[in-house]
Amino acid sequence: RLLATEQLRAWGLPLSPAEQIVSELATNAATHGRVPGR
């Protein structure tokens, strides 16, 4: 989420709603898509 936010700022794009979408998808990957070492 933090890196996406900084990249969106660098591109001059609005943070909303992309910041929240990245947060939700990344959280899902870390929670439900987690395989140790991958």
Full PDB file with SEQRES, HELIX, SHEET, SSBOND, CRYST1, ORIGX, SCALE, CONECT and MASTER records, all heavy atoms in Angstrom:
SEQRES   1 A   38  ARG LEU LEU ALA THR GLU GLN LEU ARG ALA TRP GLY LEU          
SEQRES   2 A   38  PRO LEU SER PRO ALA GLU GLN ILE VAL SER GLU LEU ALA          
SEQRES   3 A   38  THR ASN ALA ALA THR HIS GLY ARG VAL PRO GLY ARG              
HELIX    1 AA1 LEU A    2  TRP A   11  1                                  10    
HELIX    2 AA2 ALA A   18  THR A   31  1                                  14    
CRYST1    1.000    1.000    1.000  90.00  90.00  90.00 P 1           1          
ORIGX1      1.000000  0.000000  0.000000        0.00000                         
ORIGX2      0.000000  1.000000  0.000000        0.00000                         
ORIGX3      0.000000  0.000000  1.000000        0.00000                         
SCALE1      1.000000  0.000000  0.000000        0.00000                         
SCALE2      0.000000  1.000000  0.000000        0.00000                         
SCALE3      0.000000  0.000000  1.000000        0.00000                         
ATOM      1  N   ARG A   1       0.831  -1.212   0.000  1.00  0.00           N  
ATOM      2  CA  ARG A   1       0.000   0.000   0.000  1.00  0.00           C  
ATOM      3  C   ARG A   1       0.862   1.258   0.000  1.00  0.00           C  
ATOM      4  O   ARG A   1       0.617   2.189  -0.767  1.00  0.00           O  
ATOM      5  CB  ARG A   1      -0.944   0.012   1.201  1.00  0.00           C  
ATOM      6  CG  ARG A   1      -1.863   1.231   1.238  1.00  0.00           C  
ATOM      7  CD  ARG A   1      -2.716   1.288   2.482  1.00  0.00           C  
ATOM      8  NE  ARG A   1      -1.991   1.187   3.722  1.00  0.00           N  
ATOM      9  CZ  ARG A   1      -1.319   2.200   4.301  1.00  0.00           C  
ATOM     10  NH1 ARG A   1      -1.309   3.388   3.736  1.00  0.00           N  
ATOM     11  NH2 ARG A   1      -0.692   2.015   5.442  1.00  0.00           N  
ATOM     12  N   LEU A   2       1.889   1.279   0.838  1.00  0.00           N  
ATOM     13  CA  LEU A   2       2.751   2.469   0.924  1.00  0.00           C  
ATOM     14  C   LEU A   2       3.507   2.723  -0.379  1.00  0.00           C  
ATOM     15  O   LEU A   2       3.576   3.863  -0.860  1.00  0.00           O  
ATOM     16  CB  LEU A   2       3.739   2.313   2.081  1.00  0.00           C  
ATOM     17  CG  LEU A   2       3.131   2.330   3.478  1.00  0.00           C  
ATOM     18  CD1 LEU A   2       4.174   1.946   4.527  1.00  0.00           C  
ATOM     19  CD2 LEU A   2       2.527   3.683   3.788  1.00  0.00           C  
ATOM     20  N   LEU A   3       4.069   1.675  -0.974  1.00  0.00           N  
ATOM     21  CA  LEU A   3       4.810   1.846  -2.227  1.00  0.00           C  
ATOM     22  C   LEU A   3       3.885   2.224  -3.382  1.00  0.00           C  
ATOM     23  O   LEU A   3       4.240   3.045  -4.227  1.00  0.00           O  
ATOM     24  CB  LEU A   3       5.603   0.582  -2.546  1.00  0.00           C  
ATOM     25  CG  LEU A   3       6.755   0.286  -1.577  1.00  0.00           C  
ATOM     26  CD1 LEU A   3       7.331  -1.098  -1.839  1.00  0.00           C  
ATOM     27  CD2 LEU A   3       7.827   1.357  -1.659  1.00  0.00           C  
ATOM     28  N   ALA A   4       2.699   1.637  -3.403  1.00  0.00           N  
ATOM     29  CA  ALA A   4       1.725   2.000  -4.441  1.00  0.00           C  
ATOM     30  C   ALA A   4       1.321   3.461  -4.303  1.00  0.00           C  
ATOM     31  O   ALA A   4       1.220   4.183  -5.300  1.00  0.00           O  
ATOM     32  CB  ALA A   4       0.501   1.090  -4.356  1.00  0.00           C  
ATOM     33  N   THR A   5       1.094   3.900  -3.074  1.00  0.00           N  
ATOM     34  CA  THR A   5       0.725   5.290  -2.831  1.00  0.00           C  
ATOM     35  C   THR A   5       1.808   6.238  -3.337  1.00  0.00           C  
ATOM     36  O   THR A   5       1.520   7.231  -4.014  1.00  0.00           O  
ATOM     37  CB  THR A   5       0.475   5.515  -1.325  1.00  0.00           C  
ATOM     38  OG1 THR A   5      -0.613   4.685  -0.919  1.00  0.00           O  
ATOM     39  CG2 THR A   5       0.135   6.957  -1.027  1.00  0.00           C  
ATOM     40  N   GLU A   6       3.054   5.935  -3.024  1.00  0.00           N  
ATOM     41  CA  GLU A   6       4.156   6.789  -3.486  1.00  0.00           C  
ATOM     42  C   GLU A   6       4.267   6.778  -5.011  1.00  0.00           C  
ATOM     43  O   GLU A   6       4.537   7.813  -5.624  1.00  0.00           O  
ATOM     44  CB  GLU A   6       5.471   6.369  -2.836  1.00  0.00           C  
ATOM     45  CG  GLU A   6       5.540   6.716  -1.368  1.00  0.00           C  
ATOM     46  CD  GLU A   6       5.207   8.180  -1.089  1.00  0.00           C  
ATOM     47  OE1 GLU A   6       5.788   9.083  -1.740  1.00  0.00           O  
ATOM     48  OE2 GLU A   6       4.351   8.442  -0.228  1.00  0.00           O  
ATOM     49  N   GLN A   7       4.045   5.629  -5.633  1.00  0.00           N  
ATOM     50  CA  GLN A   7       4.126   5.566  -7.094  1.00  0.00           C  
ATOM     51  C   GLN A   7       2.990   6.351  -7.729  1.00  0.00           C  
ATOM     52  O   GLN A   7       3.196   7.067  -8.716  1.00  0.00           O  
ATOM     53  CB  GLN A   7       4.093   4.116  -7.568  1.00  0.00           C  
ATOM     54  CG  GLN A   7       4.359   3.977  -9.051  1.00  0.00           C  
ATOM     55  CD  GLN A   7       5.749   4.472  -9.417  1.00  0.00           C  
ATOM     56  OE1 GLN A   7       6.741   3.923  -8.978  1.00  0.00           O  
ATOM     57  NE2 GLN A   7       5.823   5.526 -10.212  1.00  0.00           N  
ATOM     58  N   LEU A   8       1.793   6.243  -7.189  1.00  0.00           N  
ATOM     59  CA  LEU A   8       0.665   7.015  -7.716  1.00  0.00           C  
ATOM     60  C   LEU A   8       0.937   8.511  -7.605  1.00  0.00           C  
ATOM     61  O   LEU A   8       0.650   9.269  -8.537  1.00  0.00           O  
ATOM     62  CB  LEU A   8      -0.629   6.636  -6.988  1.00  0.00           C  
ATOM     63  CG  LEU A   8      -1.134   5.219  -7.255  1.00  0.00           C  
ATOM     64  CD1 LEU A   8      -2.243   4.866  -6.277  1.00  0.00           C  
ATOM     65  CD2 LEU A   8      -1.578   5.046  -8.689  1.00  0.00           C  
ATOM     66  N   ARG A   9       1.502   8.932  -6.474  1.00  0.00           N  
ATOM     67  CA  ARG A   9       1.878  10.350  -6.324  1.00  0.00           C  
ATOM     68  C   ARG A   9       2.891  10.757  -7.379  1.00  0.00           C  
ATOM     69  O   ARG A   9       2.782  11.823  -7.988  1.00  0.00           O  
ATOM     70  CB  ARG A   9       2.465  10.603  -4.937  1.00  0.00           C  
ATOM     71  CG  ARG A   9       1.456  10.756  -3.857  1.00  0.00           C  
ATOM     72  CD  ARG A   9       2.107  11.253  -2.559  1.00  0.00           C  
ATOM     73  NE  ARG A   9       1.108  11.324  -1.526  1.00  0.00           N  
ATOM     74  CZ  ARG A   9       1.091  10.565  -0.443  1.00  0.00           C  
ATOM     75  NH1 ARG A   9       2.056   9.705  -0.215  1.00  0.00           N  
ATOM     76  NH2 ARG A   9       0.124  10.691   0.436  1.00  0.00           N  
ATOM     77  N   ALA A  10       3.900   9.923  -7.604  1.00  0.00           N  
ATOM     78  CA  ALA A  10       4.933  10.232  -8.594  1.00  0.00           C  
ATOM     79  C   ALA A  10       4.341  10.336  -9.993  1.00  0.00           C  
ATOM     80  O   ALA A  10       4.802  11.132 -10.815  1.00  0.00           O  
ATOM     81  CB  ALA A  10       6.031   9.172  -8.558  1.00  0.00           C  
ATOM     82  N   TRP A  11       3.329   9.538 -10.276  1.00  0.00           N  
ATOM     83  CA  TRP A  11       2.664   9.592 -11.574  1.00  0.00           C  
ATOM     84  C   TRP A  11       1.645  10.723 -11.653  1.00  0.00           C  
ATOM     85  O   TRP A  11       1.050  10.957 -12.704  1.00  0.00           O  
ATOM     86  CB  TRP A  11       1.965   8.275 -11.867  1.00  0.00           C  
ATOM     87  CG  TRP A  11       2.885   7.134 -12.196  1.00  0.00           C  
ATOM     88  CD1 TRP A  11       4.170   7.206 -12.646  1.00  0.00           C  
ATOM     89  CD2 TRP A  11       2.567   5.750 -12.117  1.00  0.00           C  
ATOM     90  NE1 TRP A  11       4.672   5.943 -12.844  1.00  0.00           N  
ATOM     91  CE2 TRP A  11       3.709   5.029 -12.531  1.00  0.00           C  
ATOM     92  CE3 TRP A  11       1.435   5.043 -11.732  1.00  0.00           C  
ATOM     93  CZ2 TRP A  11       3.745   3.641 -12.578  1.00  0.00           C  
ATOM     94  CZ3 TRP A  11       1.469   3.654 -11.777  1.00  0.00           C  
ATOM     95  CH2 TRP A  11       2.612   2.964 -12.201  1.00  0.00           C  
ATOM     96  N   GLY A  12       1.376  11.396 -10.533  1.00  0.00           N  
ATOM     97  CA  GLY A  12       0.395  12.473 -10.517  1.00  0.00           C  
ATOM     98  C   GLY A  12      -1.039  11.984 -10.580  1.00  0.00           C  
ATOM     99  O   GLY A  12      -1.920  12.691 -11.070  1.00  0.00           O  
ATOM    100  N   LEU A  13      -1.279  10.790 -10.059  1.00  0.00           N  
ATOM    101  CA  LEU A  13      -2.621  10.206 -10.092  1.00  0.00           C  
ATOM    102  C   LEU A  13      -3.276  10.288  -8.716  1.00  0.00           C  
ATOM    103  O   LEU A  13      -2.586  10.297  -7.692  1.00  0.00           O  
ATOM    104  CB  LEU A  13      -2.551   8.744 -10.528  1.00  0.00           C  
ATOM    105  CG  LEU A  13      -2.039   8.511 -11.944  1.00  0.00           C  
ATOM    106  CD1 LEU A  13      -1.932   7.021 -12.230  1.00  0.00           C  
ATOM    107  CD2 LEU A  13      -2.933   9.190 -12.969  1.00  0.00           C  
ATOM    108  N   PRO A  14      -4.607  10.318  -8.681  1.00  0.00           N  
ATOM    109  CA  PRO A  14      -5.296  10.356  -7.393  1.00  0.00           C  
ATOM    110  C   PRO A  14      -5.057   9.065  -6.602  1.00  0.00           C  
ATOM    111  O   PRO A  14      -4.960   7.986  -7.188  1.00  0.00           O  
ATOM    112  CB  PRO A  14      -6.773  10.506  -7.772  1.00  0.00           C  
ATOM    113  CG  PRO A  14      -6.871  10.178  -9.211  1.00  0.00           C  
ATOM    114  CD  PRO A  14      -5.523  10.333  -9.819  1.00  0.00           C  
ATOM    115  N   LEU A  15      -4.972   9.198  -5.293  1.00  0.00           N  
ATOM    116  CA  LEU A  15      -4.738   8.039  -4.435  1.00  0.00           C  
ATOM    117  C   LEU A  15      -6.008   7.214  -4.232  1.00  0.00           C  
ATOM    118  O   LEU A  15      -5.942   6.006  -4.043  1.00  0.00           O  
ATOM    119  CB  LEU A  15      -4.197   8.493  -3.076  1.00  0.00           C  
ATOM    120  CG  LEU A  15      -2.903   9.296  -3.117  1.00  0.00           C  
ATOM    121  CD1 LEU A  15      -2.451   9.635  -1.702  1.00  0.00           C  
ATOM    122  CD2 LEU A  15      -1.827   8.586  -3.890  1.00  0.00           C  
ATOM    123  N   SER A  16      -7.133   7.879  -4.258  1.00  0.00           N  
ATOM    124  CA  SER A  16      -8.406   7.207  -4.030  1.00  0.00           C  
ATOM    125  C   SER A  16      -9.045   6.877  -5.378  1.00  0.00           C  
ATOM    126  O   SER A  16      -9.035   7.727  -6.277  1.00  0.00           O  
ATOM    127  CB  SER A  16      -9.322   8.102  -3.217  1.00  0.00           C  
ATOM    128  OG  SER A  16     -10.537   7.460  -2.949  1.00  0.00           O  
ATOM    129  N   PRO A  17      -9.550   5.697  -5.565  1.00  0.00           N  
ATOM    130  CA  PRO A  17      -9.707   4.583  -4.642  1.00  0.00           C  
ATOM    131  C   PRO A  17      -8.574   3.552  -4.719  1.00  0.00           C  
ATOM    132  O   PRO A  17      -8.618   2.532  -4.040  1.00  0.00           O  
ATOM    133  CB  PRO A  17     -11.007   3.943  -5.091  1.00  0.00           C  
ATOM    134  CG  PRO A  17     -10.973   4.086  -6.591  1.00  0.00           C  
ATOM    135  CD  PRO A  17     -10.302   5.437  -6.821  1.00  0.00           C  
ATOM    136  N   ALA A  18      -7.556   3.797  -5.528  1.00  0.00           N  
ATOM    137  CA  ALA A  18      -6.514   2.797  -5.769  1.00  0.00           C  
ATOM    138  C   ALA A  18      -5.810   2.355  -4.494  1.00  0.00           C  
ATOM    139  O   ALA A  18      -5.526   1.163  -4.315  1.00  0.00           O  
ATOM    140  CB  ALA A  18      -5.504   3.342  -6.779  1.00  0.00           C  
ATOM    141  N   GLU A  19      -5.540   3.291  -3.592  1.00  0.00           N  
ATOM    142  CA  GLU A  19      -4.839   2.959  -2.351  1.00  0.00           C  
ATOM    143  C   GLU A  19      -5.609   1.901  -1.560  1.00  0.00           C  
ATOM    144  O   GLU A  19      -5.030   0.934  -1.062  1.00  0.00           O  
ATOM    145  CB  GLU A  19      -4.662   4.228  -1.523  1.00  0.00           C  
ATOM    146  CG  GLU A  19      -3.956   4.009  -0.216  1.00  0.00           C  
ATOM    147  CD  GLU A  19      -3.812   5.303   0.575  1.00  0.00           C  
ATOM    148  OE1 GLU A  19      -4.652   6.210   0.430  1.00  0.00           O  
ATOM    149  OE2 GLU A  19      -2.845   5.386   1.341  1.00  0.00           O  
ATOM    150  N   GLN A  20      -6.915   2.055  -1.460  1.00  0.00           N  
ATOM    151  CA  GLN A  20      -7.738   1.094  -0.712  1.00  0.00           C  
ATOM    152  C   GLN A  20      -7.810  -0.251  -1.436  1.00  0.00           C  
ATOM    153  O   GLN A  20      -7.766  -1.309  -0.805  1.00  0.00           O  
ATOM    154  CB  GLN A  20      -9.151   1.646  -0.496  1.00  0.00           C  
ATOM    155  CG  GLN A  20     -10.025   0.759   0.359  1.00  0.00           C  
ATOM    156  CD  GLN A  20      -9.536   0.663   1.789  1.00  0.00           C  
ATOM    157  OE1 GLN A  20      -9.071   1.638   2.354  1.00  0.00           O  
ATOM    158  NE2 GLN A  20      -9.619  -0.512   2.381  1.00  0.00           N  
ATOM    159  N   ILE A  21      -7.895  -0.226  -2.764  1.00  0.00           N  
ATOM    160  CA  ILE A  21      -7.937  -1.471  -3.529  1.00  0.00           C  
ATOM    161  C   ILE A  21      -6.634  -2.250  -3.351  1.00  0.00           C  
ATOM    162  O   ILE A  21      -6.651  -3.462  -3.111  1.00  0.00           O  
ATOM    163  CB  ILE A  21      -8.228  -1.183  -5.015  1.00  0.00           C  
ATOM    164  CG1 ILE A  21      -9.654  -0.645  -5.174  1.00  0.00           C  
ATOM    165  CG2 ILE A  21      -8.021  -2.443  -5.870  1.00  0.00           C  
ATOM    166  CD1 ILE A  21      -9.973  -0.100  -6.554  1.00  0.00           C  
ATOM    167  N   VAL A  22      -5.496  -1.558  -3.464  1.00  0.00           N  
ATOM    168  CA  VAL A  22      -4.198  -2.228  -3.250  1.00  0.00           C  
ATOM    169  C   VAL A  22      -4.165  -2.837  -1.852  1.00  0.00           C  
ATOM    170  O   VAL A  22      -3.747  -3.984  -1.671  1.00  0.00           O  
ATOM    171  CB  VAL A  22      -3.029  -1.243  -3.446  1.00  0.00           C  
ATOM    172  CG1 VAL A  22      -1.723  -1.847  -2.933  1.00  0.00           C  
ATOM    173  CG2 VAL A  22      -2.894  -0.846  -4.908  1.00  0.00           C  
ATOM    174  N   SER A  23      -4.605  -2.090  -0.864  1.00  0.00           N  
ATOM    175  CA  SER A  23      -4.600  -2.577   0.514  1.00  0.00           C  
ATOM    176  C   SER A  23      -5.412  -3.859   0.653  1.00  0.00           C  
ATOM    177  O   SER A  23      -4.952  -4.838   1.263  1.00  0.00           O  
ATOM    178  CB  SER A  23      -5.143  -1.491   1.445  1.00  0.00           C  
ATOM    179  OG  SER A  23      -5.149  -1.956   2.770  1.00  0.00           O  
ATOM    180  N   GLU A  24      -6.608  -3.871   0.097  1.00  0.00           N  
ATOM    181  CA  GLU A  24      -7.477  -5.052   0.208  1.00  0.00           C  
ATOM    182  C   GLU A  24      -6.893  -6.254  -0.521  1.00  0.00           C  
ATOM    183  O   GLU A  24      -6.865  -7.369   0.016  1.00  0.00           O  
ATOM    184  CB  GLU A  24      -8.879  -4.746  -0.320  1.00  0.00           C  
ATOM    185  CG  GLU A  24      -9.631  -3.677   0.434  1.00  0.00           C  
ATOM    186  CD  GLU A  24      -9.960  -4.035   1.871  1.00  0.00           C  
ATOM    187  OE1 GLU A  24      -9.910  -5.225   2.242  1.00  0.00           O  
ATOM    188  OE2 GLU A  24     -10.270  -3.104   2.634  1.00  0.00           O  
ATOM    189  N   LEU A  25      -6.406  -6.049  -1.754  1.00  0.00           N  
ATOM    190  CA  LEU A  25      -5.873  -7.173  -2.529  1.00  0.00           C  
ATOM    191  C   LEU A  25      -4.580  -7.708  -1.925  1.00  0.00           C  
ATOM    192  O   LEU A  25      -4.360  -8.927  -1.881  1.00  0.00           O  
ATOM    193  CB  LEU A  25      -5.661  -6.769  -3.991  1.00  0.00           C  
ATOM    194  CG  LEU A  25      -6.927  -6.428  -4.785  1.00  0.00           C  
ATOM    195  CD1 LEU A  25      -6.569  -6.096  -6.227  1.00  0.00           C  
ATOM    196  CD2 LEU A  25      -7.952  -7.553  -4.721  1.00  0.00           C  
ATOM    197  N   ALA A  26      -3.711  -6.820  -1.455  1.00  0.00           N  
ATOM    198  CA  ALA A  26      -2.460  -7.264  -0.845  1.00  0.00           C  
ATOM    199  C   ALA A  26      -2.725  -7.994   0.477  1.00  0.00           C  
ATOM    200  O   ALA A  26      -2.075  -9.010   0.768  1.00  0.00           O  
ATOM    201  CB  ALA A  26      -1.530  -6.078  -0.624  1.00  0.00           C  
ATOM    202  N   THR A  27      -3.668  -7.502   1.252  1.00  0.00           N  
ATOM    203  CA  THR A  27      -4.029  -8.176   2.501  1.00  0.00           C  
ATOM    204  C   THR A  27      -4.576  -9.560   2.218  1.00  0.00           C  
ATOM    205  O   THR A  27      -4.235 -10.532   2.913  1.00  0.00           O  
ATOM    206  CB  THR A  27      -5.037  -7.337   3.304  1.00  0.00           C  
ATOM    207  OG1 THR A  27      -4.411  -6.091   3.637  1.00  0.00           O  
ATOM    208  CG2 THR A  27      -5.477  -8.043   4.574  1.00  0.00           C  
ATOM    209  N   ASN A  28      -5.409  -9.682   1.188  1.00  0.00           N  
ATOM    210  CA  ASN A  28      -5.926 -11.002   0.816  1.00  0.00           C  
ATOM    211  C   ASN A  28      -4.795 -11.944   0.409  1.00  0.00           C  
ATOM    212  O   ASN A  28      -4.794 -13.121   0.774  1.00  0.00           O  
ATOM    213  CB  ASN A  28      -6.947 -10.894  -0.308  1.00  0.00           C  
ATOM    214  CG  ASN A  28      -8.299 -10.429   0.174  1.00  0.00           C  
ATOM    215  OD1 ASN A  28      -8.546 -10.319   1.372  1.00  0.00           O  
ATOM    216  ND2 ASN A  28      -9.185 -10.144  -0.759  1.00  0.00           N  
ATOM    217  N   ALA A  29      -3.825 -11.441  -0.357  1.00  0.00           N  
ATOM    218  CA  ALA A  29      -2.696 -12.278  -0.781  1.00  0.00           C  
ATOM    219  C   ALA A  29      -1.882 -12.734   0.421  1.00  0.00           C  
ATOM    220  O   ALA A  29      -1.454 -13.890   0.491  1.00  0.00           O  
ATOM    221  CB  ALA A  29      -1.810 -11.518  -1.769  1.00  0.00           C  
ATOM    222  N   ALA A  30      -1.679 -11.832   1.381  1.00  0.00           N  
ATOM    223  CA  ALA A  30      -0.893 -12.170   2.566  1.00  0.00           C  
ATOM    224  C   ALA A  30      -1.659 -13.097   3.514  1.00  0.00           C  
ATOM    225  O   ALA A  30      -1.048 -13.870   4.243  1.00  0.00           O  
ATOM    226  CB  ALA A  30      -0.484 -10.899   3.305  1.00  0.00           C  
ATOM    227  N   THR A  31      -2.978 -13.031   3.465  1.00  0.00           N  
ATOM    228  CA  THR A  31      -3.796 -13.839   4.375  1.00  0.00           C  
ATOM    229  C   THR A  31      -4.211 -15.167   3.754  1.00  0.00           C  
ATOM    230  O   THR A  31      -4.001 -16.230   4.333  1.00  0.00           O  
ATOM    231  CB  THR A  31      -5.065 -13.059   4.779  1.00  0.00           C  
ATOM    232  OG1 THR A  31      -4.673 -11.813   5.350  1.00  0.00           O  
ATOM    233  CG2 THR A  31      -5.906 -13.841   5.778  1.00  0.00           C  
ATOM    234  N   HIS A  32      -4.805 -15.115   2.562  1.00  0.00           N  
ATOM    235  CA  HIS A  32      -5.380 -16.311   1.945  1.00  0.00           C  
ATOM    236  C   HIS A  32      -4.483 -16.929   0.879  1.00  0.00           C  
ATOM    237  O   HIS A  32      -4.674 -18.086   0.529  1.00  0.00           O  
ATOM    238  CB  HIS A  32      -6.740 -15.975   1.323  1.00  0.00           C  
ATOM    239  CG  HIS A  32      -7.684 -15.337   2.285  1.00  0.00           C  
ATOM    240  ND1 HIS A  32      -8.217 -15.999   3.370  1.00  0.00           N  
ATOM    241  CD2 HIS A  32      -8.177 -14.079   2.351  1.00  0.00           C  
ATOM    242  CE1 HIS A  32      -8.998 -15.182   4.048  1.00  0.00           C  
ATOM    243  NE2 HIS A  32      -8.995 -14.002   3.449  1.00  0.00           N  
ATOM    244  N   GLY A  33      -3.557 -16.161   0.340  1.00  0.00           N  
ATOM    245  CA  GLY A  33      -2.694 -16.659  -0.725  1.00  0.00           C  
ATOM    246  C   GLY A  33      -1.293 -16.985  -0.256  1.00  0.00           C  
ATOM    247  O   GLY A  33      -0.402 -17.246  -1.046  1.00  0.00           O  
ATOM    248  N   ARG A  34      -1.112 -17.002   1.021  1.00  0.00           N  
ATOM    249  CA  ARG A  34       0.223 -17.179   1.609  1.00  0.00           C  
ATOM    250  C   ARG A  34       0.717 -18.618   1.485  1.00  0.00           C  
ATOM    251  O   ARG A  34       0.018 -19.562   1.857  1.00  0.00           O  
ATOM    252  CB  ARG A  34       0.184 -16.780   3.074  1.00  0.00           C  
ATOM    253  CG  ARG A  34       1.493 -16.977   3.797  1.00  0.00           C  
ATOM    254  CD  ARG A  34       1.347 -16.602   5.269  1.00  0.00           C  
ATOM    255  NE  ARG A  34       2.482 -17.060   6.025  1.00  0.00           N  
ATOM    256  CZ  ARG A  34       3.570 -16.339   6.229  1.00  0.00           C  
ATOM    257  NH1 ARG A  34       3.670 -15.129   5.742  1.00  0.00           N  
ATOM    258  NH2 ARG A  34       4.570 -16.824   6.937  1.00  0.00           N  
ATOM    259  N   VAL A  35       1.919 -18.744   0.976  1.00  0.00           N  
ATOM    260  CA  VAL A  35       2.673 -19.995   1.004  1.00  0.00           C  
ATOM    261  C   VAL A  35       4.044 -19.618   1.548  1.00  0.00           C  
ATOM    262  O   VAL A  35       4.711 -18.748   0.974  1.00  0.00           O  
ATOM    263  CB  VAL A  35       2.807 -20.623  -0.407  1.00  0.00           C  
ATOM    264  CG1 VAL A  35       3.715 -21.834  -0.369  1.00  0.00           C  
ATOM    265  CG2 VAL A  35       1.438 -20.978  -0.973  1.00  0.00           C  
ATOM    266  N   PRO A  36       4.467 -20.193   2.667  1.00  0.00           N  
ATOM    267  CA  PRO A  36       5.765 -19.825   3.235  1.00  0.00           C  
ATOM    268  C   PRO A  36       6.884 -19.930   2.196  1.00  0.00           C  
ATOM    269  O   PRO A  36       6.972 -20.907   1.445  1.00  0.00           O  
ATOM    270  CB  PRO A  36       5.958 -20.836   4.372  1.00  0.00           C  
ATOM    271  CG  PRO A  36       4.558 -21.209   4.763  1.00  0.00           C  
ATOM    272  CD  PRO A  36       3.782 -21.215   3.470  1.00  0.00           C  
ATOM    273  N   GLY A  37       7.697 -18.890   2.134  1.00  0.00           N  
ATOM    274  CA  GLY A  37       8.819 -18.867   1.205  1.00  0.00           C  
ATOM    275  C   GLY A  37       8.487 -18.390  -0.195  1.00  0.00           C  
ATOM    276  O   GLY A  37       9.373 -18.276  -1.031  1.00  0.00           O  
ATOM    277  N   ARG A  38       7.221 -18.086  -0.462  1.00  0.00           N  
ATOM    278  CA  ARG A  38       6.816 -17.611  -1.789  1.00  0.00           C  
ATOM    279  C   ARG A  38       6.203 -16.225  -1.668  1.00  0.00           C  
ATOM    280  O   ARG A  38       5.209 -16.039  -0.972  1.00  0.00           O  
ATOM    281  CB  ARG A  38       5.803 -18.559  -2.433  1.00  0.00           C  
ATOM    282  CG  ARG A  38       6.359 -19.922  -2.732  1.00  0.00           C  
ATOM    283  CD  ARG A  38       5.323 -20.738  -3.445  1.00  0.00           C  
ATOM    284  NE  ARG A  38       5.784 -22.100  -3.677  1.00  0.00           N  
ATOM    285  CZ  ARG A  38       5.004 -23.070  -4.113  1.00  0.00           C  
ATOM    286  NH1 ARG A  38       3.726 -22.827  -4.354  1.00  0.00           N  
ATOM    287  NH2 ARG A  38       5.486 -24.264  -4.303  1.00  0.00           N  
TER     288      ARG A  38                                                      
MASTER        0    0    0    2    0    0    0    6  287    1    0    3          
END                                                                             
